[in-house]
C-alpha atoms as a PDB file:
ATOM      1  CA  MET A   1       0.000   0.000   0.000  1.00  0.00           C
ATOM      2  CA  ARG A   2       1.261   3.447  -0.968  1.00  0.00           C
ATOM      3  CA  ARG A   3       0.409   7.018  -0.106  1.00  0.00           C
ATOM      4  CA  LYS A   4       0.674   9.727  -2.726  1.00  0.00           C
ATOM      5  CA  THR A   5       0.343  13.391  -1.890  1.00  0.00           C
ATOM      6  CA  CYS A   6      -0.112  15.425  -5.063  1.00  0.00           C
ATOM      7  CA  TYR A   7      -0.208  19.178  -5.543  1.00  0.00           C
ATOM      8  CA  PHE A   8      -1.888  20.285  -8.773  1.00  0.00           C
ATOM      9  CA  SER A   9      -1.134  23.757 -10.111  1.00  0.00           C
ATOM     10  CA  GLY A  10      -2.781  25.607 -12.963  1.00  0.00           C
ATOM     11  CA  ARG A  11      -6.407  26.620 -13.365  1.00  0.00           C
ATOM     12  CA  VAL A  12      -7.549  23.874 -11.022  1.00  0.00           C
ATOM     13  CA  GLN A  13      -9.993  25.755  -8.793  1.00  0.00           C
ATOM     14  CA  GLY A  14     -13.466  26.741  -9.947  1.00  0.00           C
ATOM     15  CA  VAL A  15     -13.538  24.173 -12.767  1.00  0.00           C
ATOM     16  CA  GLY A  16     -15.042  21.160 -10.958  1.00  0.00           C
ATOM     17  CA  PHE A  17     -11.658  19.590 -10.253  1.00  0.00           C
ATOM     18  CA  ARG A  18     -12.527  18.266  -6.781  1.00  0.00           C
ATOM     19  CA  TYR A  19     -15.891  16.837  -7.829  1.00  0.00           C
ATOM     20  CA  THR A  20     -14.463  15.251 -10.966  1.00  0.00           C
ATOM     21  CA  THR A  21     -11.660  13.727  -8.864  1.00  0.00           C
ATOM     22  CA  MET A  22     -14.217  12.444  -6.340  1.00  0.00           C
ATOM     23  CA  ASN A  23     -16.271  10.794  -9.089  1.00  0.00           C
ATOM     24  CA  ILE A  24     -13.199   9.214 -10.693  1.00  0.00           C
ATOM     25  CA  ALA A  25     -11.841   7.998  -7.326  1.00  0.00           C
ATOM     26  CA  GLN A  26     -15.001   5.955  -6.733  1.00  0.00           C
ATOM     27  CA  SER A  27     -13.854   3.642  -9.547  1.00  0.00           C
ATOM     28  CA  TYR A  28     -10.547   2.887  -7.817  1.00  0.00           C
ATOM     29  CA  ASP A  29      -9.563   1.045  -4.641  1.00  0.00           C
ATOM     30  CA  VAL A  30      -8.221   4.164  -2.896  1.00  0.00           C
ATOM     31  CA  THR A  31      -8.962   6.232   0.185  1.00  0.00           C
ATOM     32  CA  GLY A  32      -7.985   9.793   1.019  1.00  0.00           C
ATOM     33  CA  TYR A  33      -9.184  13.264   0.099  1.00  0.00           C
ATOM     34  CA  VAL A  34      -8.995  16.175  -2.306  1.00  0.00           C
ATOM     35  CA  ARG A  35      -9.179  19.828  -1.281  1.00  0.00           C
ATOM     36  CA  ASN A  36      -8.520  23.355  -2.502  1.00  0.00           C
ATOM     37  CA  LEU A  37      -5.556  25.174  -0.980  1.00  0.00           C
ATOM     38  CA  PRO A  38      -5.523  28.931  -0.255  1.00  0.00           C
ATOM     39  CA  ASP A  39      -2.669  29.465  -2.754  1.00  0.00           C
ATOM     40  CA  GLY A  40      -4.791  28.257  -5.718  1.00  0.00           C
ATOM     41  CA  ARG A  41      -3.480  24.697  -5.890  1.00  0.00           C
ATOM     42  CA  VAL A  42      -5.430  21.502  -5.266  1.00  0.00           C
ATOM     43  CA  GLU A  43      -4.080  18.897  -2.844  1.00  0.00           C
ATOM     44  CA  LEU A  44      -4.841  15.215  -3.401  1.00  0.00           C
ATOM     45  CA  VAL A  45      -3.888  12.592  -0.810  1.00  0.00           C
ATOM     46  CA  ILE A  46      -4.574   8.983  -1.768  1.00  0.00           C
ATOM     47  CA  GLU A  47      -3.721   5.628  -0.277  1.00  0.00           C
ATOM     48  CA  GLY A  48      -4.063   2.258  -1.934  1.00  0.00           C
ATOM     49  CA  PRO A  49      -2.257  -0.290  -4.094  1.00  0.00           C
ATOM     50  CA  GLU A  50       0.333   1.286  -6.404  1.00  0.00           C
ATOM     51  CA  ASN A  51      -1.551   0.328  -9.580  1.00  0.00           C
ATOM     52  CA  GLU A  52      -4.817   1.825  -8.253  1.00  0.00           C
ATOM     53  CA  CYS A  53      -3.106   5.098  -7.325  1.00  0.00           C
ATOM     54  CA  THR A  54      -1.418   5.284 -10.719  1.00  0.00           C
ATOM     55  CA  GLY A  55      -4.685   4.515 -12.500  1.00  0.00           C
ATOM     56  CA  LEU A  56      -6.483   7.274 -10.613  1.00  0.00           C
ATOM     57  CA  LEU A  57      -3.770   9.830 -11.390  1.00  0.00           C
ATOM     58  CA  ASN A  58      -3.788   8.859 -15.076  1.00  0.00           C
ATOM     59  CA  SER A  59      -7.565   9.188 -15.204  1.00  0.00           C
ATOM     60  CA  ILE A  60      -7.463  12.616 -13.512  1.00  0.00           C
ATOM     61  CA  ASN A  61      -4.940  13.717 -16.123  1.00  0.00           C
ATOM     62  CA  GLU A  62      -7.165  12.399 -18.932  1.00  0.00           C
ATOM     63  CA  HIS A  63     -10.206  14.301 -17.664  1.00  0.00           C
ATOM     64  CA  MET A  64      -8.624  17.456 -16.224  1.00  0.00           C
ATOM     65  CA  GLY A  65      -5.238  17.688 -17.956  1.00  0.00           C
ATOM     66  CA  ASP A  66      -6.162  20.868 -19.828  1.00  0.00           C
ATOM     67  CA  TYR A  67      -6.411  22.688 -16.486  1.00  0.00           C
ATOM     68  CA  ILE A  68      -3.201  21.287 -14.954  1.00  0.00           C
ATOM     69  CA  SER A  69       0.111  23.044 -15.543  1.00  0.00           C
ATOM     70  CA  GLU A  70       2.181  21.133 -12.972  1.00  0.00           C
ATOM     71  CA  VAL A  71       1.872  18.225 -10.542  1.00  0.00           C
ATOM     72  CA  LYS A  72       4.233  17.663  -7.623  1.00  0.00           C
ATOM     73  CA  THR A  73       3.927  14.195  -6.106  1.00  0.00           C
ATOM     74  CA  ILE A  74       5.353  12.907  -2.833  1.00  0.00           C
ATOM     75  CA  ASP A  75       5.393   9.119  -2.313  1.00  0.00           C
ATOM     76  CA  SER A  76       5.366   7.604   1.155  1.00  0.00           C
ATOM     77  CA  PRO A  77       4.127   4.498   2.958  1.00  0.00           C
ATOM     78  CA  ALA A  78       0.378   4.331   3.587  1.00  0.00           C
ATOM     79  CA  THR A  79      -0.785   5.251   7.084  1.00  0.00           C
ATOM     80  CA  GLY A  80      -4.229   3.623   6.928  1.00  0.00           C
ATOM     81  CA  GLU A  81      -5.829   6.731   8.442  1.00  0.00           C
ATOM     82  CA  PHE A  82      -8.646   7.067   5.880  1.00  0.00           C
ATOM     83  CA  GLN A  83     -11.861   5.056   5.730  1.00  0.00           C
ATOM     84  CA  ARG A  84     -13.006   6.388   2.346  1.00  0.00           C
ATOM     85  CA  PHE A  85     -12.304   9.041  -0.272  1.00  0.00           C
ATOM     86  CA  SER A  86     -13.813  12.479   0.332  1.00  0.00           C
ATOM     87  CA  ILE A  87     -13.723  16.152  -0.530  1.00  0.00           C
ATOM     88  CA  ARG A  88     -12.369  18.295   2.287  1.00  0.00           C
ATOM     89  CA  HIS A  89     -13.364  21.918   2.674  1.00  0.00           C
END
């Protein structure tokens, strides 16, 4: 199990990014959250099998890639702290 913390930059707020990510995440075996940050980025934290995390990130890029200018990803071991995937406010 892996944890990926991703920071999406670009025009990623006000375009349905969090809700699209939430809908896509329901198709993958991942837990975690997505939220807007005050500096205009979107933070995504996911935990799950490596292939599920990669699949989710690829799908987000397919659907929202036109709005993303940069993604910074930090890999770490999963903590198991999440029960489901959600949008945080």
